[in-house]
PDB file of all heavy atoms in Angstrom:
ATOM      1  N   THR A   1       0.802  -1.219   0.000  1.00  0.00           N
ATOM      2  CA  THR A   1       0.000   0.000   0.000  1.00  0.00           C
ATOM      3  C   THR A   1       0.837   1.271   0.000  1.00  0.00           C
ATOM      4  O   THR A   1       0.332   2.348   0.252  1.00  0.00           O
ATOM      5  CB  THR A   1      -0.918   0.025   1.235  1.00  0.00           C
ATOM      6  OG1 THR A   1      -0.098   0.015   2.420  1.00  0.00           O
ATOM      7  CG2 THR A   1      -1.841  -1.172   1.249  1.00  0.00           C
ATOM      8  N   SER A   2       2.127   1.168  -0.271  1.00  0.00           N
ATOM      9  CA  SER A   2       2.996   2.331  -0.128  1.00  0.00           C
ATOM     10  C   SER A   2       2.614   3.470  -1.052  1.00  0.00           C
ATOM     11  O   SER A   2       2.926   4.628  -0.782  1.00  0.00           O
ATOM     12  CB  SER A   2       4.457   1.919  -0.371  1.00  0.00           C
ATOM     13  OG  SER A   2       4.599   1.385  -1.661  1.00  0.00           O
ATOM     14  N   SER A   3       1.949   3.192  -2.167  1.00  0.00           N
ATOM     15  CA  SER A   3       1.602   4.256  -3.102  1.00  0.00           C
ATOM     16  C   SER A   3       0.184   4.779  -2.900  1.00  0.00           C
ATOM     17  O   SER A   3      -0.268   5.645  -3.637  1.00  0.00           O
ATOM     18  CB  SER A   3       1.738   3.740  -4.541  1.00  0.00           C
ATOM     19  OG  SER A   3       0.817   2.684  -4.779  1.00  0.00           O
ATOM     20  N   ARG A   4      -0.518   4.296  -1.872  1.00  0.00           N
ATOM     21  CA  ARG A   4      -1.889   4.731  -1.661  1.00  0.00           C
ATOM     22  C   ARG A   4      -1.928   6.166  -1.159  1.00  0.00           C
ATOM     23  O   ARG A   4      -1.055   6.598  -0.410  1.00  0.00           O
ATOM     24  CB  ARG A   4      -2.592   3.825  -0.646  1.00  0.00           C
ATOM     25  CG  ARG A   4      -2.835   2.415  -1.173  1.00  0.00           C
ATOM     26  CD  ARG A   4      -3.753   1.678  -0.208  1.00  0.00           C
ATOM     27  NE  ARG A   4      -3.916   0.290  -0.604  1.00  0.00           N
ATOM     28  CZ  ARG A   4      -4.835  -0.128  -1.437  1.00  0.00           C
ATOM     29  NH1 ARG A   4      -5.660   0.716  -2.001  1.00  0.00           N
ATOM     30  NH2 ARG A   4      -4.933  -1.416  -1.735  1.00  0.00           N
ATOM     31  N   LEU A   5      -2.965   6.877  -1.540  1.00  0.00           N
ATOM     32  CA  LEU A   5      -3.172   8.231  -1.072  1.00  0.00           C
ATOM     33  C   LEU A   5      -4.125   8.219   0.104  1.00  0.00           C
ATOM     34  O   LEU A   5      -4.929   7.327   0.280  1.00  0.00           O
ATOM     35  CB  LEU A   5      -3.753   9.105  -2.200  1.00  0.00           C
ATOM     36  CG  LEU A   5      -2.899   9.227  -3.456  1.00  0.00           C
ATOM     37  CD1 LEU A   5      -3.640  10.046  -4.500  1.00  0.00           C
ATOM     38  CD2 LEU A   5      -1.554   9.861  -3.134  1.00  0.00           C
ATOM     39  N   ARG A   6      -4.051   9.259   0.928  1.00  0.00           N
ATOM     40  CA  ARG A   6      -4.891   9.351   2.100  1.00  0.00           C
ATOM     41  C   ARG A   6      -6.375   9.357   1.720  1.00  0.00           C
ATOM     42  O   ARG A   6      -7.228   8.901   2.466  1.00  0.00           O
ATOM     43  CB  ARG A   6      -4.539  10.627   2.874  1.00  0.00           C
ATOM     44  CG  ARG A   6      -5.123  10.663   4.278  1.00  0.00           C
ATOM     45  CD  ARG A   6      -4.714  11.970   4.944  1.00  0.00           C
ATOM     46  NE  ARG A   6      -5.064  11.956   6.337  1.00  0.00           N
ATOM     47  CZ  ARG A   6      -4.336  11.421   7.296  1.00  0.00           C
ATOM     48  NH1 ARG A   6      -3.222  10.794   6.978  1.00  0.00           N
ATOM     49  NH2 ARG A   6      -4.698  11.469   8.555  1.00  0.00           N
ATOM     50  N   SER A   7      -6.712   9.899   0.551  1.00  0.00           N
ATOM     51  CA  SER A   7      -8.109   9.993   0.147  1.00  0.00           C
ATOM     52  C   SER A   7      -8.658   8.680  -0.414  1.00  0.00           C
ATOM     53  O   SER A   7      -9.846   8.574  -0.688  1.00  0.00           O
ATOM     54  CB  SER A   7      -8.284  11.090  -0.906  1.00  0.00           C
ATOM     55  OG  SER A   7      -7.502  10.799  -2.042  1.00  0.00           O
ATOM     56  N   ASP A   8      -7.790   7.691  -0.605  1.00  0.00           N
ATOM     57  CA  ASP A   8      -8.212   6.410  -1.164  1.00  0.00           C
ATOM     58  C   ASP A   8      -8.937   5.617  -0.075  1.00  0.00           C
ATOM     59  O   ASP A   8      -8.323   5.110   0.844  1.00  0.00           O
ATOM     60  CB  ASP A   8      -6.988   5.630  -1.658  1.00  0.00           C
ATOM     61  CG  ASP A   8      -7.396   4.299  -2.265  1.00  0.00           C
ATOM     62  OD1 ASP A   8      -8.574   4.089  -2.535  1.00  0.00           O
ATOM     63  OD2 ASP A   8      -6.495   3.470  -2.447  1.00  0.00           O
ATOM     64  N   ARG A   9     -10.245   5.534  -0.150  1.00  0.00           N
ATOM     65  CA  ARG A   9     -10.999   4.813   0.849  1.00  0.00           C
ATOM     66  C   ARG A   9     -12.299   4.329   0.225  1.00  0.00           C
ATOM     67  O   ARG A   9     -12.748   4.841  -0.784  1.00  0.00           O
ATOM     68  CB  ARG A   9     -11.290   5.693   2.063  1.00  0.00           C
ATOM     69  CG  ARG A   9     -12.152   6.903   1.749  1.00  0.00           C
ATOM     70  CD  ARG A   9     -12.177   7.870   2.902  1.00  0.00           C
ATOM     71  NE  ARG A   9     -13.085   8.981   2.645  1.00  0.00           N
ATOM     72  CZ  ARG A   9     -13.174  10.047   3.399  1.00  0.00           C
ATOM     73  NH1 ARG A   9     -12.416  10.160   4.458  1.00  0.00           N
ATOM     74  NH2 ARG A   9     -14.016  11.011   3.108  1.00  0.00           N
ATOM     75  N   SER A  10     -12.887   3.359   0.842  1.00  0.00           N
ATOM     76  CA  SER A  10     -14.162   2.842   0.351  1.00  0.00           C
ATOM     77  C   SER A  10     -15.106   2.702   1.528  1.00  0.00           C
ATOM     78  O   SER A  10     -14.691   2.525   2.669  1.00  0.00           O
ATOM     79  CB  SER A  10     -13.967   1.495  -0.351  1.00  0.00           C
ATOM     80  OG  SER A  10     -13.428   0.544   0.538  1.00  0.00           O
ATOM     81  N   THR A  11     -16.403   2.780   1.239  1.00  0.00           N
ATOM     82  CA  THR A  11     -17.424   2.764   2.279  1.00  0.00           C
ATOM     83  C   THR A  11     -18.492   1.740   1.933  1.00  0.00           C
ATOM     84  O   THR A  11     -18.892   1.601   0.781  1.00  0.00           O
ATOM     85  CB  THR A  11     -18.069   4.156   2.422  1.00  0.00           C
ATOM     86  OG1 THR A  11     -17.055   5.110   2.753  1.00  0.00           O
ATOM     87  CG2 THR A  11     -19.134   4.155   3.511  1.00  0.00           C
ATOM     88  N   ARG A  12     -18.956   1.033   2.938  1.00  0.00           N
ATOM     89  CA  ARG A  12     -20.054   0.079   2.789  1.00  0.00           C
ATOM     90  C   ARG A  12     -21.137   0.444   3.788  1.00  0.00           C
ATOM     91  O   ARG A  12     -20.866   0.555   4.985  1.00  0.00           O
ATOM     92  CB  ARG A  12     -19.564  -1.341   3.045  1.00  0.00           C
ATOM     93  CG  ARG A  12     -20.659  -2.407   3.080  1.00  0.00           C
ATOM     94  CD  ARG A  12     -20.056  -3.774   3.365  1.00  0.00           C
ATOM     95  NE  ARG A  12     -21.058  -4.824   3.426  1.00  0.00           N
ATOM     96  CZ  ARG A  12     -21.675  -5.201   4.550  1.00  0.00           C
ATOM     97  NH1 ARG A  12     -21.371  -4.615   5.702  1.00  0.00           N
ATOM     98  NH2 ARG A  12     -22.565  -6.167   4.526  1.00  0.00           N
ATOM     99  N   LEU A  13     -22.346   0.660   3.312  1.00  0.00           N
ATOM    100  CA  LEU A  13     -23.473   0.984   4.178  1.00  0.00           C
ATOM    101  C   LEU A  13     -24.401  -0.218   4.265  1.00  0.00           C
ATOM    102  O   LEU A  13     -24.839  -0.745   3.248  1.00  0.00           O
ATOM    103  CB  LEU A  13     -24.242   2.197   3.643  1.00  0.00           C
ATOM    104  CG  LEU A  13     -23.464   3.500   3.511  1.00  0.00           C
ATOM    105  CD1 LEU A  13     -24.371   4.594   2.949  1.00  0.00           C
ATOM    106  CD2 LEU A  13     -22.887   3.925   4.857  1.00  0.00           C
ATOM    107  N   ASP A  14     -24.699  -0.637   5.486  1.00  0.00           N
ATOM    108  CA  ASP A  14     -25.637  -1.732   5.702  1.00  0.00           C
ATOM    109  C   ASP A  14     -26.885  -1.141   6.347  1.00  0.00           C
ATOM    110  O   ASP A  14     -26.902  -0.855   7.546  1.00  0.00           O
ATOM    111  CB  ASP A  14     -25.022  -2.796   6.610  1.00  0.00           C
ATOM    112  CG  ASP A  14     -25.876  -4.057   6.702  1.00  0.00           C
ATOM    113  OD1 ASP A  14     -27.108  -3.934   6.587  1.00  0.00           O
ATOM    114  OD2 ASP A  14     -25.308  -5.142   6.905  1.00  0.00           O
ATOM    115  N   ARG A  15     -27.920  -0.921   5.536  1.00  0.00           N
ATOM    116  CA  ARG A  15     -29.132  -0.292   6.051  1.00  0.00           C
ATOM    117  C   ARG A  15     -29.882  -1.207   7.015  1.00  0.00           C
ATOM    118  O   ARG A  15     -30.633  -0.730   7.873  1.00  0.00           O
ATOM    119  CB  ARG A  15     -30.054   0.077   4.882  1.00  0.00           C
ATOM    120  CG  ARG A  15     -29.435   1.064   3.900  1.00  0.00           C
ATOM    121  CD  ARG A  15     -29.165   2.410   4.532  1.00  0.00           C
ATOM    122  NE  ARG A  15     -28.588   3.359   3.571  1.00  0.00           N
ATOM    123  CZ  ARG A  15     -28.182   4.584   3.910  1.00  0.00           C
ATOM    124  NH1 ARG A  15     -28.286   4.990   5.160  1.00  0.00           N
ATOM    125  NH2 ARG A  15     -27.669   5.375   2.974  1.00  0.00           N
ATOM    126  N   ASN A  16     -29.714  -2.507   6.879  1.00  0.00           N
ATOM    127  CA  ASN A  16     -30.419  -3.439   7.771  1.00  0.00           C
ATOM    128  C   ASN A  16     -29.904  -3.346   9.201  1.00  0.00           C
ATOM    129  O   ASN A  16     -30.684  -3.398  10.152  1.00  0.00           O
ATOM    130  CB  ASN A  16     -30.279  -4.874   7.256  1.00  0.00           C
ATOM    131  CG  ASN A  16     -31.013  -5.093   5.952  1.00  0.00           C
ATOM    132  OD1 ASN A  16     -32.069  -4.512   5.724  1.00  0.00           O
ATOM    133  ND2 ASN A  16     -30.436  -5.918   5.090  1.00  0.00           N
ATOM    134  N   THR A  17     -28.583  -3.227   9.353  1.00  0.00           N
ATOM    135  CA  THR A  17     -28.002  -3.150  10.697  1.00  0.00           C
ATOM    136  C   THR A  17     -27.704  -1.727  11.117  1.00  0.00           C
ATOM    137  O   THR A  17     -27.419  -1.474  12.287  1.00  0.00           O
ATOM    138  CB  THR A  17     -26.698  -3.966  10.757  1.00  0.00           C
ATOM    139  OG1 THR A  17     -25.750  -3.423   9.818  1.00  0.00           O
ATOM    140  CG2 THR A  17     -26.957  -5.426  10.427  1.00  0.00           C
ATOM    141  N   GLY A  18     -27.749  -0.775  10.174  1.00  0.00           N
ATOM    142  CA  GLY A  18     -27.455   0.614  10.512  1.00  0.00           C
ATOM    143  C   GLY A  18     -25.985   0.865  10.771  1.00  0.00           C
ATOM    144  O   GLY A  18     -25.627   1.641  11.666  1.00  0.00           O
ATOM    145  N   VAL A  19     -25.126   0.232   9.972  1.00  0.00           N
ATOM    146  CA  VAL A  19     -23.680   0.339  10.188  1.00  0.00           C
ATOM    147  C   VAL A  19     -22.985   0.845   8.925  1.00  0.00           C
ATOM    148  O   VAL A  19     -23.280   0.371   7.820  1.00  0.00           O
ATOM    149  CB  VAL A  19     -23.077  -1.022  10.592  1.00  0.00           C
ATOM    150  CG1 VAL A  19     -21.548  -0.949  10.648  1.00  0.00           C
ATOM    151  CG2 VAL A  19     -23.646  -1.476  11.930  1.00  0.00           C
ATOM    152  N   GLU A  20     -22.070   1.766   9.102  1.00  0.00           N
ATOM    153  CA  GLU A  20     -21.191   2.210   8.021  1.00  0.00           C
ATOM    154  C   GLU A  20     -19.803   1.612   8.241  1.00  0.00           C
ATOM    155  O   GLU A  20     -19.212   1.783   9.306  1.00  0.00           O
ATOM    156  CB  GLU A  20     -21.071   3.733   7.988  1.00  0.00           C
ATOM    157  CG  GLU A  20     -20.080   4.231   6.928  1.00  0.00           C
ATOM    158  CD  GLU A  20     -19.759   5.708   7.081  1.00  0.00           C
ATOM    159  OE1 GLU A  20     -18.805   6.022   7.841  1.00  0.00           O
ATOM    160  OE2 GLU A  20     -20.447   6.524   6.456  1.00  0.00           O
ATOM    161  N   GLU A  21     -19.285   0.903   7.232  1.00  0.00           N
ATOM    162  CA  GLU A  21     -17.917   0.387   7.263  1.00  0.00           C
ATOM    163  C   GLU A  21     -17.074   1.228   6.314  1.00  0.00           C
ATOM    164  O   GLU A  21     -17.461   1.419   5.158  1.00  0.00           O
ATOM    165  CB  GLU A  21     -17.869  -1.073   6.821  1.00  0.00           C
ATOM    166  CG  GLU A  21     -18.605  -2.030   7.717  1.00  0.00           C
ATOM    167  CD  GLU A  21     -18.471  -3.469   7.253  1.00  0.00           C
ATOM    168  OE1 GLU A  21     -17.456  -3.781   6.567  1.00  0.00           O
ATOM    169  OE2 GLU A  21     -19.364  -4.279   7.550  1.00  0.00           O
ATOM    170  N   ARG A  22     -15.942   1.697   6.794  1.00  0.00           N
ATOM    171  CA  ARG A  22     -15.106   2.537   5.944  1.00  0.00           C
ATOM    172  C   ARG A  22     -13.645   2.125   6.059  1.00  0.00           C
ATOM    173  O   ARG A  22     -13.095   2.007   7.158  1.00  0.00           O
ATOM    174  CB  ARG A  22     -15.246   4.003   6.330  1.00  0.00           C
ATOM    175  CG  ARG A  22     -14.328   4.936   5.539  1.00  0.00           C
ATOM    176  CD  ARG A  22     -14.634   6.392   5.814  1.00  0.00           C
ATOM    177  NE  ARG A  22     -15.966   6.752   5.313  1.00  0.00           N
ATOM    178  CZ  ARG A  22     -16.467   7.977   5.400  1.00  0.00           C
ATOM    179  NH1 ARG A  22     -15.774   8.941   5.986  1.00  0.00           N
ATOM    180  NH2 ARG A  22     -17.664   8.235   4.918  1.00  0.00           N
ATOM    181  N   VAL A  23     -13.016   1.898   4.914  1.00  0.00           N
ATOM    182  CA  VAL A  23     -11.579   1.633   4.866  1.00  0.00           C
ATOM    183  C   VAL A  23     -10.835   2.953   4.962  1.00  0.00           C
ATOM    184  O   VAL A  23     -11.167   3.920   4.270  1.00  0.00           O
ATOM    185  CB  VAL A  23     -11.205   0.901   3.566  1.00  0.00           C
ATOM    186  CG1 VAL A  23      -9.691   0.792   3.416  1.00  0.00           C
ATOM    187  CG2 VAL A  23     -11.847  -0.479   3.519  1.00  0.00           C
ATOM    188  N   ARG A  24      -9.830   2.997   5.809  1.00  0.00           N
ATOM    189  CA  ARG A  24      -9.071   4.232   6.019  1.00  0.00           C
ATOM    190  C   ARG A  24      -7.572   3.930   6.029  1.00  0.00           C
ATOM    191  O   ARG A  24      -7.153   2.812   6.326  1.00  0.00           O
ATOM    192  CB  ARG A  24      -9.443   4.884   7.355  1.00  0.00           C
ATOM    193  CG  ARG A  24     -10.920   5.249   7.504  1.00  0.00           C
ATOM    194  CD  ARG A  24     -11.216   5.610   8.949  1.00  0.00           C
ATOM    195  NE  ARG A  24     -12.609   5.953   9.171  1.00  0.00           N
ATOM    196  CZ  ARG A  24     -13.090   7.184   9.190  1.00  0.00           C
ATOM    197  NH1 ARG A  24     -12.271   8.213   8.984  1.00  0.00           N
ATOM    198  NH2 ARG A  24     -14.362   7.423   9.419  1.00  0.00           N
ATOM    199  N   PHE A  25      -6.783   4.960   5.736  1.00  0.00           N
ATOM    200  CA  PHE A  25      -5.337   4.892   5.882  1.00  0.00           C
ATOM    201  C   PHE A  25      -4.928   6.087   6.737  1.00  0.00           C
ATOM    202  O   PHE A  25      -5.075   7.234   6.306  1.00  0.00           O
ATOM    203  CB  PHE A  25      -4.633   4.911   4.522  1.00  0.00           C
ATOM    204  CG  PHE A  25      -4.898   3.667   3.717  1.00  0.00           C
ATOM    205  CD1 PHE A  25      -5.968   3.605   2.837  1.00  0.00           C
ATOM    206  CD2 PHE A  25      -4.091   2.554   3.873  1.00  0.00           C
ATOM    207  CE1 PHE A  25      -6.232   2.461   2.109  1.00  0.00           C
ATOM    208  CE2 PHE A  25      -4.345   1.399   3.149  1.00  0.00           C
ATOM    209  CZ  PHE A  25      -5.416   1.343   2.266  1.00  0.00           C
ATOM    210  N   VAL A  26      -4.451   5.821   7.955  1.00  0.00           N
ATOM    211  CA  VAL A  26      -4.141   6.895   8.889  1.00  0.00           C
ATOM    212  C   VAL A  26      -2.640   6.962   9.126  1.00  0.00           C
ATOM    213  O   VAL A  26      -1.909   5.999   8.917  1.00  0.00           O
ATOM    214  CB  VAL A  26      -4.882   6.699  10.229  1.00  0.00           C
ATOM    215  CG1 VAL A  26      -6.391   6.589   9.997  1.00  0.00           C
ATOM    216  CG2 VAL A  26      -4.385   5.457  10.962  1.00  0.00           C
ATOM    217  N   GLY A  27      -2.196   8.140   9.564  1.00  0.00           N
ATOM    218  CA  GLY A  27      -0.789   8.340   9.821  1.00  0.00           C
ATOM    219  C   GLY A  27      -0.116   9.099   8.699  1.00  0.00           C
ATOM    220  O   GLY A  27      -0.741   9.466   7.700  1.00  0.00           O
ATOM    221  N   PRO A  28       1.195   9.352   8.830  1.00  0.00           N
ATOM    222  CA  PRO A  28       1.932  10.121   7.822  1.00  0.00           C
ATOM    223  C   PRO A  28       2.153   9.336   6.542  1.00  0.00           C
ATOM    224  O   PRO A  28       2.150   8.102   6.538  1.00  0.00           O
ATOM    225  CB  PRO A  28       3.263  10.417   8.525  1.00  0.00           C
ATOM    226  CG  PRO A  28       3.441   9.289   9.491  1.00  0.00           C
ATOM    227  CD  PRO A  28       2.056   8.960   9.976  1.00  0.00           C
ATOM    228  N   GLY A  29       2.340  10.043   5.428  1.00  0.00           N
ATOM    229  CA  GLY A  29       2.592   9.419   4.144  1.00  0.00           C
ATOM    230  C   GLY A  29       3.768   8.476   4.184  1.00  0.00           C
ATOM    231  O   GLY A  29       4.804   8.772   4.776  1.00  0.00           O
ATOM    232  N   GLY A  30       3.613   7.333   3.547  1.00  0.00           N
ATOM    233  CA  GLY A  30       4.664   6.318   3.548  1.00  0.00           C
ATOM    234  C   GLY A  30       4.652   5.435   4.776  1.00  0.00           C
ATOM    235  O   GLY A  30       5.359   4.427   4.828  1.00  0.00           O
ATOM    236  N   GLN A  31       3.851   5.825   5.783  1.00  0.00           N
ATOM    237  CA  GLN A  31       3.745   5.044   7.013  1.00  0.00           C
ATOM    238  C   GLN A  31       2.270   4.822   7.365  1.00  0.00           C
ATOM    239  O   GLN A  31       1.901   4.777   8.533  1.00  0.00           O
ATOM    240  CB  GLN A  31       4.467   5.757   8.160  1.00  0.00           C
ATOM    241  CG  GLN A  31       5.963   5.809   8.021  1.00  0.00           C
ATOM    242  CD  GLN A  31       6.589   4.420   8.116  1.00  0.00           C
ATOM    243  OE1 GLN A  31       6.238   3.633   9.000  1.00  0.00           O
ATOM    244  NE2 GLN A  31       7.502   4.108   7.214  1.00  0.00           N
ATOM    245  N   TYR A  32       1.435   4.712   6.344  1.00  0.00           N
ATOM    246  CA  TYR A  32       0.007   4.579   6.590  1.00  0.00           C
ATOM    247  C   TYR A  32      -0.322   3.279   7.330  1.00  0.00           C
ATOM    248  O   TYR A  32       0.227   2.218   7.030  1.00  0.00           O
ATOM    249  CB  TYR A  32      -0.769   4.589   5.275  1.00  0.00           C
ATOM    250  CG  TYR A  32      -0.842   5.936   4.596  1.00  0.00           C
ATOM    251  CD1 TYR A  32      -0.804   6.029   3.205  1.00  0.00           C
ATOM    252  CD2 TYR A  32      -0.972   7.107   5.344  1.00  0.00           C
ATOM    253  CE1 TYR A  32      -0.883   7.255   2.562  1.00  0.00           C
ATOM    254  CE2 TYR A  32      -1.050   8.333   4.714  1.00  0.00           C
ATOM    255  CZ  TYR A  32      -1.014   8.411   3.330  1.00  0.00           C
ATOM    256  OH  TYR A  32      -1.094   9.628   2.709  1.00  0.00           O
ATOM    257  N   VAL A  33      -1.238   3.406   8.269  1.00  0.00           N
ATOM    258  CA  VAL A  33      -1.805   2.248   8.957  1.00  0.00           C
ATOM    259  C   VAL A  33      -3.170   1.966   8.344  1.00  0.00           C
ATOM    260  O   VAL A  33      -4.039   2.848   8.305  1.00  0.00           O
ATOM    261  CB  VAL A  33      -1.955   2.521  10.470  1.00  0.00           C
ATOM    262  CG1 VAL A  33      -2.643   1.340  11.158  1.00  0.00           C
ATOM    263  CG2 VAL A  33      -0.595   2.793  11.101  1.00  0.00           C
ATOM    264  N   PHE A  34      -3.356   0.766   7.831  1.00  0.00           N
ATOM    265  CA  PHE A  34      -4.635   0.358   7.268  1.00  0.00           C
ATOM    266  C   PHE A  34      -5.608   0.091   8.404  1.00  0.00           C
ATOM    267  O   PHE A  34      -5.293  -0.618   9.369  1.00  0.00           O
ATOM    268  CB  PHE A  34      -4.460  -0.909   6.435  1.00  0.00           C
ATOM    269  CG  PHE A  34      -5.750  -1.554   5.998  1.00  0.00           C
ATOM    270  CD1 PHE A  34      -6.399  -1.136   4.847  1.00  0.00           C
ATOM    271  CD2 PHE A  34      -6.315  -2.584   6.746  1.00  0.00           C
ATOM    272  CE1 PHE A  34      -7.584  -1.737   4.434  1.00  0.00           C
ATOM    273  CE2 PHE A  34      -7.503  -3.193   6.341  1.00  0.00           C
ATOM    274  CZ  PHE A  34      -8.136  -2.764   5.183  1.00  0.00           C
ATOM    275  N   ALA A  35      -6.806   0.674   8.312  1.00  0.00           N
ATOM    276  CA  ALA A  35      -7.818   0.478   9.339  1.00  0.00           C
ATOM    277  C   ALA A  35      -9.193   0.411   8.698  1.00  0.00           C
ATOM    278  O   ALA A  35      -9.424   0.975   7.629  1.00  0.00           O
ATOM    279  CB  ALA A  35      -7.771   1.613  10.365  1.00  0.00           C
ATOM    280  N   VAL A  36     -10.093  -0.274   9.357  1.00  0.00           N
ATOM    281  CA  VAL A  36     -11.497  -0.308   8.948  1.00  0.00           C
ATOM    282  C   VAL A  36     -12.328   0.141  10.140  1.00  0.00           C
ATOM    283  O   VAL A  36     -12.218  -0.436  11.230  1.00  0.00           O
ATOM    284  CB  VAL A  36     -11.951  -1.706   8.492  1.00  0.00           C
ATOM    285  CG1 VAL A  36     -13.399  -1.662   8.013  1.00  0.00           C
ATOM    286  CG2 VAL A  36     -11.037  -2.235   7.397  1.00  0.00           C
ATOM    287  N   SER A  37     -13.124   1.198   9.942  1.00  0.00           N
ATOM    288  CA  SER A  37     -13.986   1.689  11.011  1.00  0.00           C
ATOM    289  C   SER A  37     -15.410   1.208  10.786  1.00  0.00           C
ATOM    290  O   SER A  37     -15.877   1.070   9.654  1.00  0.00           O
ATOM    291  CB  SER A  37     -13.950   3.216  11.072  1.00  0.00           C
ATOM    292  OG  SER A  37     -14.450   3.786   9.873  1.00  0.00           O
ATOM    293  N   TYR A  38     -16.101   0.939  11.879  1.00  0.00           N
ATOM    294  CA  TYR A  38     -17.495   0.489  11.878  1.00  0.00           C
ATOM    295  C   TYR A  38     -18.258   1.463  12.765  1.00  0.00           C
ATOM    296  O   TYR A  38     -18.032   1.514  13.979  1.00  0.00           O
ATOM    297  CB  TYR A  38     -17.595  -0.933  12.426  1.00  0.00           C
ATOM    298  CG  TYR A  38     -16.788  -1.945  11.651  1.00  0.00           C
ATOM    299  CD1 TYR A  38     -15.406  -2.026  11.809  1.00  0.00           C
ATOM    300  CD2 TYR A  38     -17.403  -2.820  10.765  1.00  0.00           C
ATOM    301  CE1 TYR A  38     -14.664  -2.954  11.097  1.00  0.00           C
ATOM    302  CE2 TYR A  38     -16.668  -3.755  10.049  1.00  0.00           C
ATOM    303  CZ  TYR A  38     -15.294  -3.812  10.223  1.00  0.00           C
ATOM    304  OH  TYR A  38     -14.542  -4.733   9.519  1.00  0.00           O
ATOM    305  N   THR A  39     -19.162   2.234  12.163  1.00  0.00           N
ATOM    306  CA  THR A  39     -19.818   3.320  12.865  1.00  0.00           C
ATOM    307  C   THR A  39     -21.327   3.192  12.782  1.00  0.00           C
ATOM    308  O   THR A  39     -21.866   2.960  11.687  1.00  0.00           O
ATOM    309  CB  THR A  39     -19.403   4.674  12.255  1.00  0.00           C
ATOM    310  OG1 THR A  39     -17.971   4.753  12.201  1.00  0.00           O
ATOM    311  CG2 THR A  39     -19.946   5.832  13.080  1.00  0.00           C
TER     312      THR A  39
END
C-alpha cells in the first residue's frame, strides 16, 4: 500500500443493521496504517 493516497478509501453501508464500514489509511505518508472503522 505504499503508493496509496490518504483519500483512497471505500465505504459500505448496511441499512439493515445501521452500520457504516469505511476503509481508512491513517498516519503520515509512507507510514500509513490500514484500518477499517465500523460506525
